[in-house]
Amino acid sequence: MGWQIIAAAMAGYLVLLGRSAWKQGEFIQYLRSLAIVATLCALLAGAVALAMLLDGA
């Protein structure tokens, strides 16, 4: 239950940030930054998954 609350709070925060960026005319920059952060998180998750896979072998 705790992870759902954290995920909902994070999603709400990102929506508010997007709304603010939209009002300031910086929505494209916001989306670009969001894509960069998502890519970095995916790379980190991939590195952790690879380390777990190699450690288990």
N, C-alpha and C. Protein backbone atom coordinates (compact mmCIF):
# COMPACT_ATOMS: atom_id res chain seq x y z
N MET A 1 0.83 -1.21 0.00
CA MET A 1 0.00 0.00 0.00
C MET A 1 0.86 1.25 0.00
N GLY A 2 2.01 1.21 0.66
CA GLY A 2 2.86 2.38 0.77
C GLY A 2 3.41 2.84 -0.57
N TRP A 3 3.77 1.86 -1.45
CA TRP A 3 4.33 2.23 -2.75
C TRP A 3 3.30 2.92 -3.62
N GLN A 4 2.04 2.53 -3.50
CA GLN A 4 1.00 3.17 -4.30
C GLN A 4 0.82 4.62 -3.89
N ILE A 5 0.93 4.90 -2.60
CA ILE A 5 0.80 6.27 -2.12
C ILE A 5 1.97 7.12 -2.60
N ILE A 6 3.16 6.54 -2.53
CA ILE A 6 4.35 7.26 -3.00
C ILE A 6 4.24 7.53 -4.50
N ALA A 7 3.83 6.53 -5.27
CA ALA A 7 3.70 6.69 -6.72
C ALA A 7 2.63 7.73 -7.06
N ALA A 8 1.52 7.72 -6.34
CA ALA A 8 0.45 8.70 -6.59
C ALA A 8 0.92 10.11 -6.25
N ALA A 9 1.65 10.26 -5.15
CA ALA A 9 2.16 11.58 -4.78
C ALA A 9 3.16 12.08 -5.81
N MET A 10 4.03 11.19 -6.29
CA MET A 10 5.01 11.58 -7.29
C MET A 10 4.33 11.96 -8.61
N ALA A 11 3.33 11.18 -9.02
CA ALA A 11 2.61 11.49 -10.24
C ALA A 11 1.88 12.83 -10.12
N GLY A 12 1.28 13.08 -8.97
CA GLY A 12 0.62 14.37 -8.75
C GLY A 12 1.59 15.53 -8.81
N TYR A 13 2.76 15.34 -8.23
CA TYR A 13 3.79 16.39 -8.26
C TYR A 13 4.24 16.66 -9.69
N LEU A 14 4.42 15.59 -10.48
CA LEU A 14 4.83 15.78 -11.88
C LEU A 14 3.75 16.48 -12.68
N VAL A 15 2.49 16.20 -12.39
CA VAL A 15 1.39 16.88 -13.06
C VAL A 15 1.41 18.37 -12.72
N LEU A 16 1.63 18.69 -11.45
CA LEU A 16 1.69 20.10 -11.06
C LEU A 16 2.87 20.82 -11.70
N LEU A 17 4.01 20.13 -11.78
CA LEU A 17 5.17 20.72 -12.46
C LEU A 17 4.88 20.95 -13.94
N GLY A 18 4.22 19.98 -14.57
CA GLY A 18 3.86 20.13 -15.98
C GLY A 18 2.90 21.28 -16.20
N ARG A 19 1.96 21.42 -15.30
CA ARG A 19 0.99 22.53 -15.41
C ARG A 19 1.70 23.87 -15.28
N SER A 20 2.62 23.95 -14.35
CA SER A 20 3.38 25.18 -14.17
C SER A 20 4.24 25.48 -15.41
N ALA A 21 4.88 24.44 -15.95
CA ALA A 21 5.70 24.63 -17.15
C ALA A 21 4.83 25.06 -18.32
N TRP A 22 3.62 24.49 -18.42
CA TRP A 22 2.71 24.86 -19.50
C TRP A 22 2.35 26.35 -19.41
N LYS A 23 2.05 26.81 -18.20
CA LYS A 23 1.66 28.21 -18.01
C LYS A 23 2.80 29.16 -18.32
N GLN A 24 4.05 28.71 -18.11
CA GLN A 24 5.20 29.56 -18.36
C GLN A 24 5.73 29.40 -19.78
N GLY A 25 5.09 28.55 -20.59
CA GLY A 25 5.50 28.35 -21.96
C GLY A 25 6.77 27.52 -22.09
N GLU A 26 7.03 26.68 -21.10
CA GLU A 26 8.25 25.87 -21.09
C GLU A 26 7.94 24.38 -21.05
N PHE A 27 6.82 23.98 -21.66
CA PHE A 27 6.40 22.60 -21.57
C PHE A 27 7.33 21.66 -22.34
N ILE A 28 7.87 22.12 -23.48
CA ILE A 28 8.79 21.28 -24.26
C ILE A 28 10.06 21.00 -23.45
N GLN A 29 10.58 22.01 -22.77
CA GLN A 29 11.76 21.82 -21.92
C GLN A 29 11.45 20.87 -20.77
N TYR A 30 10.25 20.97 -20.23
CA TYR A 30 9.83 20.08 -19.15
C TYR A 30 9.80 18.63 -19.63
N LEU A 31 9.22 18.41 -20.80
CA LEU A 31 9.15 17.05 -21.34
C LEU A 31 10.54 16.51 -21.64
N ARG A 32 11.43 17.37 -22.16
CA ARG A 32 12.80 16.94 -22.44
C ARG A 32 13.50 16.55 -21.15
N SER A 33 13.35 17.34 -20.12
CA SER A 33 13.97 17.03 -18.83
C SER A 33 13.39 15.75 -18.24
N LEU A 34 12.09 15.58 -18.36
CA LEU A 34 11.44 14.37 -17.85
C LEU A 34 11.95 13.13 -18.59
N ALA A 35 12.15 13.25 -19.90
CA ALA A 35 12.68 12.13 -20.69
C ALA A 35 14.11 11.80 -20.28
N ILE A 36 14.92 12.81 -20.01
CA ILE A 36 16.30 12.58 -19.58
C ILE A 36 16.32 11.86 -18.24
N VAL A 37 15.51 12.30 -17.30
CA VAL A 37 15.47 11.66 -15.98
C VAL A 37 14.95 10.23 -16.10
N ALA A 38 13.93 10.00 -16.92
CA ALA A 38 13.40 8.64 -17.11
C ALA A 38 14.47 7.74 -17.73
N THR A 39 15.24 8.26 -18.68
CA THR A 39 16.31 7.48 -19.30
C THR A 39 17.39 7.13 -18.29
N LEU A 40 17.77 8.08 -17.47
CA LEU A 40 18.78 7.82 -16.45
C LEU A 40 18.30 6.78 -15.44
N CYS A 41 17.03 6.87 -15.05
CA CYS A 41 16.47 5.87 -14.12
C CYS A 41 16.45 4.49 -14.76
N ALA A 42 16.11 4.43 -16.05
CA ALA A 42 16.08 3.14 -16.75
C ALA A 42 17.49 2.56 -16.86
N LEU A 43 18.48 3.39 -17.13
CA LEU A 43 19.87 2.92 -17.19
C LEU A 43 20.33 2.38 -15.84
N LEU A 44 19.98 3.09 -14.78
CA LEU A 44 20.35 2.65 -13.45
C LEU A 44 19.66 1.33 -13.11
N ALA A 45 18.37 1.22 -13.43
CA ALA A 45 17.64 -0.03 -13.17
C ALA A 45 18.23 -1.17 -13.98
N GLY A 46 18.62 -0.90 -15.22
CA GLY A 46 19.25 -1.92 -16.04
C GLY A 46 20.58 -2.38 -15.47
N ALA A 47 21.38 -1.44 -14.98
CA ALA A 47 22.67 -1.79 -14.38
C ALA A 47 22.47 -2.64 -13.13
N VAL A 48 21.48 -2.29 -12.33
CA VAL A 48 21.20 -3.07 -11.11
C VAL A 48 20.71 -4.47 -11.49
N ALA A 49 19.82 -4.55 -12.48
CA ALA A 49 19.32 -5.85 -12.91
C ALA A 49 20.44 -6.71 -13.47
N LEU A 50 21.34 -6.12 -14.23
CA LEU A 50 22.48 -6.86 -14.77
C LEU A 50 23.39 -7.35 -13.64
N ALA A 51 23.64 -6.50 -12.66
CA ALA A 51 24.47 -6.90 -11.53
C ALA A 51 23.82 -8.04 -10.76
N MET A 52 22.52 -7.97 -10.57
CA MET A 52 21.80 -9.06 -9.89
C MET A 52 21.87 -10.35 -10.69
N LEU A 53 21.73 -10.24 -12.01
CA LEU A 53 21.77 -11.41 -12.88
C LEU A 53 23.16 -12.06 -12.83
N LEU A 54 24.19 -11.24 -12.92
CA LEU A 54 25.56 -11.76 -12.89
C LEU A 54 25.94 -12.32 -11.53
N ASP A 55 25.41 -11.72 -10.48
CA ASP A 55 25.69 -12.19 -9.13
C ASP A 55 25.02 -13.54 -8.86
N GLY A 56 23.86 -13.75 -9.47
CA GLY A 56 23.14 -14.99 -9.26
C GLY A 56 23.71 -16.16 -10.07
N ALA A 57 24.53 -15.86 -11.07
CA ALA A 57 25.06 -16.93 -11.93
C ALA A 57 26.21 -17.68 -11.31
